[in-house]
């Protein structure tokens, strides 16, 4: 199936030392929602995943600082018309999710901002995260060729499972100043190295400090 220049096919990745990525060709991005609509929808999905049931209209209003429940109902009505939700009238928690929220793509981290703050989201990949992991995850758009030796190229989307630790040989997303970088994690006796998969680049070495690990690579999406 072809749509928006993508092919639909979903595969997991191997991320050990002999990493040779299978590629997931993704079929589109969530472009039909406005930024505000997407924020409401993602809150509903995250709430459902956390508690096992959807939020009430009042809880949505509280989350976004809305004084009127009518505004929330307007958002829900739009999301229902676009096929993302079904709202069952007369029920306190009558929101049924029809489409997965997708995977948020994060970019440069704004000064003083939380790493996973909404303002750092560049896009949302319209693909079910459970193709890759049952744990929370996010995506990075690969820039440059420092990981080309591992089959990861500029323009690819790296799917990252959120976690703050890694094992030697895993490919990790790490925060370096205000940029998120993708490198192979190697722990040595006296240091930690974040190693590129391209001899043109030098490892990033940590001796007296620890790198800020945001997660490990579990998948790759390539636009065709």
N, C-alpha and C. Protein backbone atom coordinates (compact mmCIF):
# COMPACT_ATOMS: atom_id res chain seq x y z
N UNK A 1 0.85 -1.20 0.00
CA UNK A 1 0.00 0.00 0.00
C UNK A 1 0.88 1.24 0.00
N UNK A 2 0.66 2.15 -0.90
CA UNK A 2 1.44 3.38 -0.99
C UNK A 2 0.59 4.56 -0.55
N UNK A 3 1.19 5.41 0.28
CA UNK A 3 0.51 6.64 0.70
C UNK A 3 1.56 7.61 1.20
N UNK A 4 1.51 8.87 0.74
CA UNK A 4 2.41 9.92 1.17
C UNK A 4 3.87 9.55 0.96
N UNK A 5 4.17 8.74 -0.07
CA UNK A 5 5.55 8.40 -0.36
C UNK A 5 6.15 7.36 0.55
N UNK A 6 5.33 6.60 1.27
CA UNK A 6 5.83 5.58 2.18
C UNK A 6 5.24 4.23 1.80
N UNK A 7 5.95 3.17 2.20
CA UNK A 7 5.45 1.82 2.02
C UNK A 7 5.16 1.24 3.39
N UNK A 8 4.05 0.53 3.54
CA UNK A 8 3.69 -0.03 4.83
C UNK A 8 4.29 -1.40 5.03
N UNK A 9 5.17 -1.55 6.02
CA UNK A 9 5.74 -2.83 6.40
C UNK A 9 6.42 -2.60 7.73
N UNK A 10 6.23 -3.50 8.69
CA UNK A 10 6.66 -3.21 10.04
C UNK A 10 7.53 -4.33 10.58
N UNK A 11 8.76 -3.99 11.02
CA UNK A 11 9.71 -4.99 11.49
C UNK A 11 10.41 -4.48 12.73
N UNK A 12 10.78 -5.40 13.63
CA UNK A 12 11.60 -5.04 14.78
C UNK A 12 13.07 -4.99 14.35
N UNK A 13 13.90 -4.42 15.24
CA UNK A 13 15.31 -4.32 14.94
C UNK A 13 16.14 -5.09 15.93
N UNK A 14 17.29 -5.56 15.45
CA UNK A 14 18.28 -6.16 16.31
C UNK A 14 19.26 -5.07 16.71
N UNK A 15 19.57 -4.92 17.99
CA UNK A 15 20.39 -3.78 18.41
C UNK A 15 21.62 -4.22 19.21
N UNK A 16 22.10 -5.44 19.03
CA UNK A 16 23.31 -5.88 19.69
C UNK A 16 24.52 -5.48 18.86
N UNK A 17 25.71 -5.95 19.25
CA UNK A 17 26.94 -5.53 18.57
C UNK A 17 26.95 -5.85 17.09
N UNK A 18 26.29 -6.94 16.70
CA UNK A 18 26.27 -7.28 15.29
C UNK A 18 25.04 -6.70 14.61
N UNK A 19 24.65 -5.54 15.09
CA UNK A 19 23.44 -4.87 14.61
C UNK A 19 23.44 -4.70 13.09
N UNK A 20 22.39 -5.19 12.46
CA UNK A 20 22.18 -4.98 11.03
C UNK A 20 20.70 -4.71 10.87
N UNK A 21 20.31 -3.44 10.74
CA UNK A 21 18.90 -3.08 10.90
C UNK A 21 17.99 -3.58 9.81
N UNK A 22 16.92 -4.23 10.24
CA UNK A 22 15.77 -4.37 9.36
C UNK A 22 15.08 -3.02 9.35
N UNK A 23 14.47 -2.65 8.28
CA UNK A 23 13.89 -1.32 8.16
C UNK A 23 12.37 -1.41 8.14
N UNK A 24 11.74 -0.53 8.90
CA UNK A 24 10.29 -0.43 8.85
C UNK A 24 9.93 0.72 7.93
N UNK A 25 9.28 0.45 6.82
CA UNK A 25 8.85 1.49 5.90
C UNK A 25 7.48 1.97 6.33
N UNK A 26 7.40 3.24 6.68
CA UNK A 26 6.22 3.79 7.34
C UNK A 26 5.32 4.46 6.31
N UNK A 27 4.02 4.39 6.55
CA UNK A 27 3.06 4.76 5.52
C UNK A 27 2.51 6.17 5.62
N UNK A 28 2.99 6.97 6.54
CA UNK A 28 2.48 8.33 6.59
C UNK A 28 2.71 8.97 7.94
N UNK A 29 2.42 10.26 8.07
CA UNK A 29 2.52 10.95 9.33
C UNK A 29 1.19 11.62 9.62
N UNK A 30 0.97 11.92 10.90
CA UNK A 30 -0.31 12.44 11.34
C UNK A 30 -0.42 13.92 10.98
N UNK A 31 -0.79 14.20 9.74
CA UNK A 31 -0.85 15.58 9.27
C UNK A 31 -2.25 16.16 9.33
N UNK A 32 -3.28 15.32 9.47
CA UNK A 32 -4.64 15.83 9.36
C UNK A 32 -5.14 16.46 10.65
N UNK A 33 -4.39 16.37 11.73
CA UNK A 33 -4.77 17.02 12.98
C UNK A 33 -3.99 18.30 13.15
N UNK A 34 -4.63 19.32 13.71
CA UNK A 34 -3.91 20.53 14.09
C UNK A 34 -3.08 20.22 15.33
N UNK A 35 -2.18 21.14 15.67
CA UNK A 35 -1.32 20.92 16.82
C UNK A 35 -2.15 20.74 18.09
N UNK A 36 -3.16 21.58 18.30
CA UNK A 36 -3.98 21.49 19.51
C UNK A 36 -4.81 20.21 19.53
N UNK A 37 -5.35 19.83 18.38
CA UNK A 37 -6.13 18.58 18.31
C UNK A 37 -5.25 17.38 18.65
N UNK A 38 -4.02 17.41 18.14
CA UNK A 38 -3.10 16.31 18.40
C UNK A 38 -2.75 16.22 19.87
N UNK A 39 -2.56 17.39 20.52
CA UNK A 39 -2.23 17.39 21.95
C UNK A 39 -3.36 16.76 22.77
N UNK A 40 -4.59 17.12 22.46
CA UNK A 40 -5.74 16.55 23.16
C UNK A 40 -5.81 15.05 22.93
N UNK A 41 -5.64 14.65 21.67
CA UNK A 41 -5.73 13.23 21.35
C UNK A 41 -4.64 12.42 22.05
N UNK A 42 -3.41 12.93 22.05
CA UNK A 42 -2.31 12.21 22.68
C UNK A 42 -2.50 12.12 24.19
N UNK A 43 -3.06 13.17 24.80
CA UNK A 43 -3.35 13.11 26.23
C UNK A 43 -4.36 12.00 26.52
N UNK A 44 -5.39 11.90 25.70
CA UNK A 44 -6.40 10.86 25.90
C UNK A 44 -5.78 9.48 25.78
N UNK A 45 -4.94 9.29 24.77
CA UNK A 45 -4.29 7.98 24.57
C UNK A 45 -3.36 7.65 25.74
N UNK A 46 -2.53 8.62 26.17
CA UNK A 46 -1.61 8.38 27.27
C UNK A 46 -2.36 8.09 28.57
N UNK A 47 -3.45 8.79 28.77
CA UNK A 47 -4.27 8.56 29.97
C UNK A 47 -4.84 7.14 29.94
N UNK A 48 -5.35 6.74 28.80
CA UNK A 48 -5.92 5.40 28.63
C UNK A 48 -4.86 4.34 28.91
N UNK A 49 -3.64 4.55 28.41
CA UNK A 49 -2.56 3.58 28.61
C UNK A 49 -2.13 3.52 30.07
N UNK A 50 -2.17 4.66 30.76
CA UNK A 50 -1.72 4.73 32.15
C UNK A 50 -2.74 4.14 33.13
N UNK A 51 -4.03 4.40 32.89
CA UNK A 51 -5.05 4.04 33.87
C UNK A 51 -5.98 2.92 33.42
N UNK A 52 -5.95 2.59 32.14
CA UNK A 52 -6.82 1.53 31.65
C UNK A 52 -8.21 1.99 31.28
N UNK A 53 -8.47 3.28 31.37
CA UNK A 53 -9.76 3.84 30.97
C UNK A 53 -9.52 5.28 30.52
N UNK A 54 -10.42 5.85 29.73
CA UNK A 54 -10.19 7.20 29.19
C UNK A 54 -10.47 8.28 30.22
N UNK A 55 -9.96 9.47 29.99
CA UNK A 55 -10.24 10.58 30.90
C UNK A 55 -11.66 11.10 30.71
N UNK A 56 -12.15 11.78 31.72
CA UNK A 56 -13.43 12.45 31.60
C UNK A 56 -13.24 13.80 30.91
N UNK A 57 -14.33 14.41 30.51
CA UNK A 57 -14.27 15.74 29.90
C UNK A 57 -13.64 16.73 30.87
N UNK A 58 -14.01 16.64 32.15
CA UNK A 58 -13.47 17.57 33.14
C UNK A 58 -11.96 17.39 33.29
N UNK A 59 -11.48 16.17 33.26
CA UNK A 59 -10.04 15.91 33.40
C UNK A 59 -9.26 16.45 32.20
N UNK A 60 -9.85 16.36 31.03
CA UNK A 60 -9.20 16.94 29.84
C UNK A 60 -9.14 18.46 29.98
N UNK A 61 -10.23 19.06 30.43
CA UNK A 61 -10.27 20.50 30.62
C UNK A 61 -9.21 20.95 31.63
N UNK A 62 -9.06 20.21 32.73
CA UNK A 62 -8.07 20.54 33.75
C UNK A 62 -6.66 20.42 33.19
N UNK A 63 -6.42 19.40 32.39
CA UNK A 63 -5.07 19.19 31.84
C UNK A 63 -4.63 20.37 30.97
N UNK A 64 -5.55 20.94 30.21
CA UNK A 64 -5.19 22.00 29.27
C UNK A 64 -5.60 23.40 29.75
N UNK A 65 -6.05 23.47 31.00
CA UNK A 65 -6.40 24.78 31.55
C UNK A 65 -7.60 25.42 30.89
N UNK A 66 -8.54 24.59 30.46
CA UNK A 66 -9.74 25.11 29.80
C UNK A 66 -10.85 25.33 30.83
N UNK A 67 -11.46 26.49 30.79
CA UNK A 67 -12.49 26.82 31.77
C UNK A 67 -13.84 26.21 31.41
N UNK A 68 -14.05 25.93 30.13
CA UNK A 68 -15.34 25.43 29.69
C UNK A 68 -15.25 23.99 29.19
N UNK A 69 -16.14 23.14 29.68
CA UNK A 69 -16.21 21.77 29.17
C UNK A 69 -16.68 21.76 27.72
N UNK A 70 -17.36 22.81 27.32
CA UNK A 70 -17.85 22.90 25.93
C UNK A 70 -16.68 22.90 24.94
N UNK A 71 -15.59 23.56 25.32
CA UNK A 71 -14.42 23.58 24.45
C UNK A 71 -13.87 22.18 24.26
N UNK A 72 -13.83 21.41 25.34
CA UNK A 72 -13.37 20.02 25.24
C UNK A 72 -14.29 19.21 24.34
N UNK A 73 -15.58 19.40 24.50
CA UNK A 73 -16.53 18.65 23.67
C UNK A 73 -16.37 19.02 22.19
N UNK A 74 -16.02 20.28 21.92
CA UNK A 74 -15.76 20.69 20.53
C UNK A 74 -14.57 19.93 19.96
N UNK A 75 -13.50 19.80 20.77
CA UNK A 75 -12.34 19.05 20.33
C UNK A 75 -12.70 17.58 20.08
N UNK A 76 -13.46 17.02 21.00
CA UNK A 76 -13.86 15.62 20.86
C UNK A 76 -14.72 15.40 19.62
N UNK A 77 -15.57 16.37 19.34
CA UNK A 77 -16.43 16.27 18.15
C UNK A 77 -15.59 16.27 16.88
N UNK A 78 -14.56 17.12 16.83
CA UNK A 78 -13.68 17.17 15.66
C UNK A 78 -12.91 15.86 15.53
N UNK A 79 -12.37 15.36 16.64
CA UNK A 79 -11.61 14.11 16.61
C UNK A 79 -12.50 12.95 16.20
N UNK A 80 -13.76 12.99 16.59
CA UNK A 80 -14.69 11.94 16.20
C UNK A 80 -14.98 12.03 14.70
N UNK A 81 -15.16 13.24 14.18
CA UNK A 81 -15.43 13.40 12.75
C UNK A 81 -14.25 12.93 11.90
N UNK A 82 -13.03 13.10 12.43
CA UNK A 82 -11.83 12.71 11.69
C UNK A 82 -11.49 11.23 11.89
N UNK A 83 -12.29 10.55 12.69
CA UNK A 83 -12.13 9.11 12.82
C UNK A 83 -11.16 8.65 13.88
N UNK A 84 -10.74 9.55 14.76
CA UNK A 84 -9.78 9.17 15.79
C UNK A 84 -10.46 8.65 17.06
N UNK A 85 -11.67 9.10 17.29
CA UNK A 85 -12.41 8.74 18.50
C UNK A 85 -13.85 8.40 18.17
N UNK A 86 -14.48 7.71 19.11
CA UNK A 86 -15.94 7.61 19.13
C UNK A 86 -16.38 8.04 20.52
N UNK A 87 -17.30 8.98 20.60
CA UNK A 87 -17.77 9.48 21.87
C UNK A 87 -19.15 8.90 22.14
N UNK A 88 -19.28 8.19 23.25
CA UNK A 88 -20.55 7.57 23.64
C UNK A 88 -21.27 8.54 24.58
N UNK A 89 -22.29 9.18 24.08
CA UNK A 89 -23.02 10.20 24.85
C UNK A 89 -23.65 9.60 26.09
N UNK A 90 -23.66 10.40 27.16
CA UNK A 90 -24.30 9.98 28.40
C UNK A 90 -23.39 9.23 29.34
N UNK A 91 -22.15 8.92 28.93
CA UNK A 91 -21.21 8.22 29.78
C UNK A 91 -20.12 9.17 30.25
N UNK A 92 -19.76 9.09 31.53
CA UNK A 92 -18.73 9.97 32.08
C UNK A 92 -17.40 9.77 31.39
N UNK A 93 -17.06 8.51 31.10
CA UNK A 93 -15.81 8.18 30.42
C UNK A 93 -16.14 7.46 29.12
N UNK A 94 -16.90 8.16 28.30
CA UNK A 94 -17.43 7.54 27.09
C UNK A 94 -16.60 7.78 25.85
N UNK A 95 -15.27 7.88 26.00
CA UNK A 95 -14.39 8.12 24.85
C UNK A 95 -13.76 6.79 24.43
N UNK A 96 -13.94 6.43 23.19
CA UNK A 96 -13.33 5.20 22.65
C UNK A 96 -12.31 5.58 21.59
N UNK A 97 -11.07 5.11 21.76
CA UNK A 97 -9.99 5.43 20.82
C UNK A 97 -10.08 4.51 19.62
N UNK A 98 -10.06 5.10 18.42
CA UNK A 98 -10.16 4.31 17.20
C UNK A 98 -8.85 4.22 16.43
N UNK A 99 -7.96 5.20 16.63
CA UNK A 99 -6.67 5.21 15.93
C UNK A 99 -5.55 5.34 16.94
N UNK A 100 -4.41 4.67 16.71
CA UNK A 100 -3.27 4.86 17.60
C UNK A 100 -2.74 6.27 17.48
N UNK A 101 -2.17 6.79 18.58
CA UNK A 101 -1.67 8.15 18.57
C UNK A 101 -0.41 8.31 17.74
N UNK A 102 0.28 7.24 17.47
CA UNK A 102 1.51 7.32 16.71
C UNK A 102 2.71 7.55 17.61
N UNK A 103 3.84 7.90 17.02
CA UNK A 103 5.09 8.07 17.74
C UNK A 103 5.57 9.50 17.56
N UNK A 104 5.77 10.19 18.66
CA UNK A 104 6.22 11.58 18.60
C UNK A 104 7.67 11.65 18.15
N UNK A 105 7.96 12.58 17.25
CA UNK A 105 9.32 12.81 16.76
C UNK A 105 9.87 14.03 17.48
N UNK A 106 10.98 13.86 18.21
CA UNK A 106 11.59 14.96 18.95
C UNK A 106 12.80 15.51 18.21
N UNK A 107 13.01 16.82 18.36
CA UNK A 107 14.13 17.46 17.70
C UNK A 107 15.04 18.12 18.70
N UNK A 108 15.49 19.32 18.38
CA UNK A 108 16.36 20.09 19.26
C UNK A 108 15.62 20.44 20.55
N UNK A 109 16.32 20.38 21.68
CA UNK A 109 15.71 20.63 22.98
C UNK A 109 15.87 22.10 23.33
N UNK A 110 14.75 22.78 23.54
CA UNK A 110 14.79 24.20 23.87
C UNK A 110 15.44 24.45 25.22
N UNK A 111 16.11 25.59 25.35
CA UNK A 111 16.79 25.93 26.60
C UNK A 111 15.81 25.96 27.76
N UNK A 112 16.15 25.23 28.82
CA UNK A 112 15.32 25.20 30.01
C UNK A 112 14.08 24.34 29.89
N UNK A 113 13.86 23.71 28.73
CA UNK A 113 12.65 22.92 28.52
C UNK A 113 12.86 21.48 28.98
N UNK A 114 11.80 20.85 29.40
CA UNK A 114 11.84 19.42 29.67
C UNK A 114 12.13 18.69 28.36
N UNK A 115 12.90 17.61 28.45
CA UNK A 115 13.31 16.89 27.24
C UNK A 115 12.11 16.49 26.41
N UNK A 116 11.08 15.97 27.06
CA UNK A 116 9.92 15.47 26.33
C UNK A 116 8.74 16.45 26.40
N UNK A 117 9.05 17.72 26.50
CA UNK A 117 8.01 18.75 26.48
C UNK A 117 7.35 18.80 25.10
N UNK A 118 6.09 19.18 25.09
CA UNK A 118 5.33 19.21 23.84
C UNK A 118 5.99 20.09 22.79
N UNK A 119 6.63 21.20 23.24
CA UNK A 119 7.21 22.12 22.26
C UNK A 119 8.41 21.54 21.52
N UNK A 120 8.94 20.43 22.02
CA UNK A 120 10.07 19.79 21.33
C UNK A 120 9.63 18.76 20.30
N UNK A 121 8.33 18.54 20.16
CA UNK A 121 7.82 17.58 19.18
C UNK A 121 7.82 18.23 17.80
N UNK A 122 8.49 17.61 16.84
CA UNK A 122 8.55 18.12 15.48
C UNK A 122 7.45 17.53 14.60
N UNK A 123 7.05 16.32 14.90
CA UNK A 123 6.06 15.63 14.07
C UNK A 123 5.56 14.43 14.84
N UNK A 124 4.59 13.73 14.27
CA UNK A 124 4.09 12.47 14.84
C UNK A 124 4.00 11.46 13.71
N UNK A 125 4.65 10.32 13.88
CA UNK A 125 4.57 9.25 12.90
C UNK A 125 3.30 8.45 13.14
N UNK A 126 2.50 8.33 12.13
CA UNK A 126 1.22 7.63 12.27
C UNK A 126 1.44 6.13 12.12
N UNK A 127 1.95 5.55 13.19
CA UNK A 127 2.22 4.12 13.23
C UNK A 127 2.06 3.65 14.67
N UNK A 128 1.51 2.49 14.86
CA UNK A 128 1.27 1.98 16.20
C UNK A 128 2.60 1.67 16.88
N UNK A 129 2.90 2.28 18.03
CA UNK A 129 4.17 2.02 18.72
C UNK A 129 4.38 0.55 19.07
N UNK A 130 3.30 -0.20 19.20
CA UNK A 130 3.43 -1.60 19.61
C UNK A 130 4.01 -2.49 18.51
N UNK A 131 4.22 -1.96 17.31
CA UNK A 131 4.98 -2.69 16.32
C UNK A 131 6.43 -2.85 16.78
N UNK A 132 6.88 -1.98 17.67
CA UNK A 132 8.28 -1.96 18.10
C UNK A 132 8.46 -2.37 19.55
N UNK A 133 7.59 -1.88 20.43
CA UNK A 133 7.75 -2.13 21.85
C UNK A 133 6.44 -1.87 22.58
N UNK A 134 6.25 -2.55 23.69
CA UNK A 134 5.08 -2.29 24.53
C UNK A 134 5.36 -1.19 25.55
N UNK A 135 6.61 -0.72 25.58
CA UNK A 135 7.02 0.33 26.50
C UNK A 135 6.90 1.70 25.83
N UNK A 136 6.88 2.79 26.61
CA UNK A 136 6.85 4.13 26.02
C UNK A 136 8.04 4.34 25.08
N UNK A 137 7.79 5.01 23.97
CA UNK A 137 8.87 5.23 23.00
C UNK A 137 8.68 6.57 22.30
N UNK A 138 9.70 6.99 21.58
CA UNK A 138 9.64 8.20 20.79
C UNK A 138 10.52 8.00 19.56
N UNK A 139 10.56 9.00 18.68
CA UNK A 139 11.34 8.87 17.45
C UNK A 139 12.28 10.06 17.28
N UNK A 140 13.38 9.81 16.60
CA UNK A 140 14.32 10.85 16.21
C UNK A 140 14.51 10.79 14.70
N UNK A 141 14.61 11.93 14.07
CA UNK A 141 14.95 11.96 12.65
C UNK A 141 16.46 12.06 12.54
N UNK A 142 17.07 11.07 11.91
CA UNK A 142 18.52 10.97 11.85
C UNK A 142 19.10 12.09 10.99
N UNK A 143 20.11 12.76 11.53
CA UNK A 143 20.82 13.80 10.80
C UNK A 143 22.29 13.41 10.69
N UNK A 144 22.84 13.53 9.49
CA UNK A 144 24.24 13.19 9.30
C UNK A 144 24.47 11.72 9.02
N UNK A 145 25.76 11.34 8.94
CA UNK A 145 26.11 9.98 8.55
C UNK A 145 26.98 9.26 9.58
N UNK A 146 26.92 9.71 10.84
CA UNK A 146 27.80 9.13 11.86
C UNK A 146 27.46 7.68 12.19
N UNK A 147 26.25 7.21 11.83
CA UNK A 147 25.86 5.83 12.11
C UNK A 147 25.64 5.02 10.84
N UNK A 148 26.23 5.49 9.75
CA UNK A 148 26.00 4.82 8.46
C UNK A 148 26.53 3.39 8.44
N UNK A 149 27.58 3.12 9.22
CA UNK A 149 28.13 1.76 9.27
C UNK A 149 27.18 0.75 9.88
N UNK A 150 26.18 1.22 10.61
CA UNK A 150 25.16 0.35 11.19
C UNK A 150 23.90 0.33 10.34
N UNK A 151 23.98 0.92 9.13
CA UNK A 151 22.81 0.93 8.25
C UNK A 151 21.78 1.96 8.62
N UNK A 152 22.20 3.00 9.34
CA UNK A 152 21.30 4.07 9.76
C UNK A 152 21.72 5.33 9.02
N UNK A 153 20.83 5.89 8.22
CA UNK A 153 21.19 6.96 7.30
C UNK A 153 20.38 8.23 7.55
N UNK A 154 20.91 9.34 7.06
CA UNK A 154 20.23 10.62 7.21
C UNK A 154 18.81 10.55 6.64
N UNK A 155 17.87 11.07 7.41
CA UNK A 155 16.47 11.04 6.99
C UNK A 155 15.70 9.88 7.57
N UNK A 156 16.40 8.85 8.06
CA UNK A 156 15.70 7.74 8.72
C UNK A 156 15.08 8.23 10.02
N UNK A 157 14.05 7.53 10.48
CA UNK A 157 13.48 7.78 11.80
C UNK A 157 13.90 6.64 12.72
N UNK A 158 14.63 6.98 13.77
CA UNK A 158 15.05 5.99 14.76
C UNK A 158 13.98 5.92 15.85
N UNK A 159 13.49 4.71 16.13
CA UNK A 159 12.48 4.51 17.17
C UNK A 159 13.20 4.12 18.45
N UNK A 160 12.98 4.91 19.50
CA UNK A 160 13.72 4.78 20.74
C UNK A 160 12.79 4.38 21.89
N UNK A 161 13.10 3.27 22.53
CA UNK A 161 12.37 2.89 23.74
C UNK A 161 12.93 3.67 24.92
N UNK A 162 12.07 4.36 25.63
CA UNK A 162 12.53 5.21 26.73
C UNK A 162 13.09 4.37 27.88
N UNK A 163 14.34 4.65 28.24
CA UNK A 163 14.94 4.10 29.45
C UNK A 163 16.23 4.87 29.71
N UNK A 164 16.67 4.88 30.96
CA UNK A 164 17.81 5.71 31.35
C UNK A 164 19.10 4.93 31.47
N UNK A 165 19.11 3.66 31.08
CA UNK A 165 20.31 2.84 31.18
C UNK A 165 20.49 2.05 29.89
N UNK A 166 21.69 1.51 29.69
CA UNK A 166 21.96 0.74 28.48
C UNK A 166 23.03 -0.29 28.78
N UNK A 167 23.07 -1.33 27.95
CA UNK A 167 24.10 -2.35 28.02
C UNK A 167 25.11 -2.11 26.91
N UNK A 168 26.33 -2.56 27.15
CA UNK A 168 27.37 -2.42 26.13
C UNK A 168 26.92 -3.05 24.81
N UNK A 169 27.09 -2.30 23.73
CA UNK A 169 26.72 -2.78 22.41
C UNK A 169 25.39 -2.27 21.91
N UNK A 170 24.56 -1.75 22.82
CA UNK A 170 23.27 -1.23 22.38
C UNK A 170 23.44 0.16 21.76
N UNK A 171 22.61 0.46 20.78
CA UNK A 171 22.59 1.81 20.20
C UNK A 171 21.61 2.64 21.02
N UNK A 172 22.09 3.79 21.47
CA UNK A 172 21.31 4.62 22.39
C UNK A 172 21.07 6.00 21.81
N UNK A 173 20.03 6.64 22.34
CA UNK A 173 19.82 8.07 22.14
C UNK A 173 20.30 8.75 23.41
N UNK A 174 21.24 9.67 23.27
CA UNK A 174 21.80 10.36 24.42
C UNK A 174 21.69 11.87 24.22
N UNK A 175 21.50 12.58 25.32
CA UNK A 175 21.40 14.03 25.26
C UNK A 175 22.77 14.63 25.46
N UNK A 176 23.28 15.34 24.45
CA UNK A 176 24.57 16.04 24.53
C UNK A 176 24.27 17.52 24.36
N UNK A 177 24.41 18.28 25.46
CA UNK A 177 24.01 19.68 25.51
C UNK A 177 22.53 19.77 25.14
N UNK A 178 22.17 20.42 24.03
CA UNK A 178 20.74 20.53 23.70
C UNK A 178 20.39 19.70 22.46
N UNK A 179 21.25 18.74 22.12
CA UNK A 179 21.01 17.88 20.96
C UNK A 179 20.90 16.42 21.41
N UNK A 180 20.03 15.69 20.73
CA UNK A 180 19.93 14.25 20.97
C UNK A 180 20.74 13.54 19.89
N UNK A 181 21.68 12.71 20.31
CA UNK A 181 22.54 12.01 19.36
C UNK A 181 22.33 10.50 19.46
N UNK A 182 22.56 9.82 18.34
CA UNK A 182 22.42 8.38 18.27
C UNK A 182 23.81 7.78 18.15
N UNK A 183 24.20 6.95 19.12
CA UNK A 183 25.54 6.35 19.12
C UNK A 183 25.48 4.95 19.77
N UNK A 184 26.56 4.18 19.55
CA UNK A 184 26.63 2.88 20.21
C UNK A 184 27.26 3.05 21.60
N UNK A 185 26.62 2.46 22.59
CA UNK A 185 27.04 2.58 23.99
C UNK A 185 28.05 1.48 24.32
N UNK A 186 29.21 1.87 24.84
CA UNK A 186 30.23 0.89 25.25
C UNK A 186 30.76 1.31 26.61
N UNK A 187 30.65 0.41 27.58
CA UNK A 187 31.16 0.67 28.93
C UNK A 187 32.52 -0.02 29.07
N UNK A 188 33.53 0.76 29.42
CA UNK A 188 34.87 0.23 29.67
C UNK A 188 35.22 0.41 31.14
N UNK A 189 36.37 -0.13 31.53
CA UNK A 189 36.71 -0.15 32.95
C UNK A 189 36.75 1.24 33.57
N UNK A 190 37.29 2.21 32.85
CA UNK A 190 37.47 3.54 33.42
C UNK A 190 36.66 4.62 32.74
N UNK A 191 35.77 4.24 31.81
CA UNK A 191 35.02 5.27 31.09
C UNK A 191 33.85 4.65 30.33
N UNK A 192 33.01 5.54 29.84
CA UNK A 192 31.93 5.15 28.93
C UNK A 192 32.17 5.87 27.61
N UNK A 193 31.99 5.14 26.52
CA UNK A 193 32.17 5.73 25.20
C UNK A 193 30.88 5.62 24.41
N UNK A 194 30.54 6.70 23.74
CA UNK A 194 29.45 6.70 22.76
C UNK A 194 30.13 6.72 21.39
N UNK A 195 30.02 5.59 20.70
CA UNK A 195 30.84 5.36 19.52
C UNK A 195 30.03 5.48 18.24
N UNK A 196 30.48 6.31 17.31
CA UNK A 196 29.81 6.39 16.00
C UNK A 196 30.14 5.16 15.16
N UNK A 197 29.34 4.91 14.16
CA UNK A 197 29.58 3.79 13.24
C UNK A 197 30.09 4.33 11.90
N UNK A 198 31.06 5.24 12.02
CA UNK A 198 31.68 5.83 10.85
C UNK A 198 33.07 6.30 11.27
N UNK A 199 34.12 5.78 10.63
CA UNK A 199 35.49 6.12 11.08
C UNK A 199 35.84 7.59 10.93
N UNK A 200 35.04 8.36 10.23
CA UNK A 200 35.30 9.79 10.09
C UNK A 200 34.98 10.57 11.37
N UNK A 201 34.31 9.92 12.33
CA UNK A 201 33.90 10.59 13.55
C UNK A 201 34.58 9.94 14.76
N UNK A 202 34.86 10.74 15.79
CA UNK A 202 35.51 10.26 17.00
C UNK A 202 34.47 9.90 18.07
N UNK A 203 34.79 8.94 18.93
CA UNK A 203 33.88 8.61 20.04
C UNK A 203 33.73 9.80 20.99
N UNK A 204 32.62 9.83 21.68
CA UNK A 204 32.39 10.80 22.76
C UNK A 204 32.69 10.07 24.06
N UNK A 205 33.65 10.55 24.82
CA UNK A 205 34.16 9.82 25.98
C UNK A 205 33.71 10.51 27.27
N UNK A 206 33.24 9.69 28.22
CA UNK A 206 32.83 10.17 29.54
C UNK A 206 33.68 9.44 30.58
N UNK A 207 34.50 10.21 31.34
CA UNK A 207 35.34 9.60 32.38
C UNK A 207 34.81 9.87 33.78
N UNK A 208 34.56 11.12 34.08
CA UNK A 208 34.12 11.50 35.43
C UNK A 208 32.63 11.78 35.51
N UNK A 209 31.95 11.72 34.38
CA UNK A 209 30.51 11.96 34.35
C UNK A 209 29.82 10.83 33.60
N UNK A 210 28.52 10.83 33.67
CA UNK A 210 27.72 9.83 32.98
C UNK A 210 26.93 10.50 31.85
N UNK A 211 26.82 9.85 30.71
CA UNK A 211 25.98 10.42 29.66
C UNK A 211 24.51 10.34 30.05
N UNK A 212 23.72 11.27 29.55
CA UNK A 212 22.28 11.24 29.79
C UNK A 212 21.64 10.36 28.73
N UNK A 213 21.30 9.14 29.12
CA UNK A 213 20.69 8.18 28.20
C UNK A 213 19.18 8.38 28.20
N UNK A 214 18.62 8.58 27.02
CA UNK A 214 17.17 8.76 26.90
C UNK A 214 16.46 7.47 26.51
N UNK A 215 17.19 6.54 25.91
CA UNK A 215 16.56 5.28 25.51
C UNK A 215 17.45 4.49 24.57
N UNK A 216 16.96 3.33 24.16
CA UNK A 216 17.71 2.46 23.26
C UNK A 216 16.93 2.26 21.95
N UNK A 217 17.68 2.03 20.90
CA UNK A 217 17.09 1.86 19.58
C UNK A 217 16.36 0.52 19.48
N UNK A 218 15.09 0.57 19.05
CA UNK A 218 14.32 -0.66 18.87
C UNK A 218 13.74 -0.78 17.46
N UNK A 219 13.90 0.26 16.65
CA UNK A 219 13.32 0.19 15.32
C UNK A 219 13.83 1.32 14.44
N UNK A 220 13.60 1.17 13.15
CA UNK A 220 14.02 2.17 12.18
C UNK A 220 12.95 2.30 11.12
N UNK A 221 12.67 3.54 10.74
CA UNK A 221 11.69 3.80 9.69
C UNK A 221 12.39 4.57 8.59
N UNK A 222 12.26 4.09 7.37
CA UNK A 222 12.93 4.75 6.24
C UNK A 222 11.91 5.20 5.21
N UNK A 223 11.99 6.46 4.84
CA UNK A 223 11.12 7.01 3.82
C UNK A 223 11.63 6.59 2.43
N UNK A 224 10.70 6.17 1.58
CA UNK A 224 11.07 5.76 0.21
C UNK A 224 10.20 6.49 -0.80
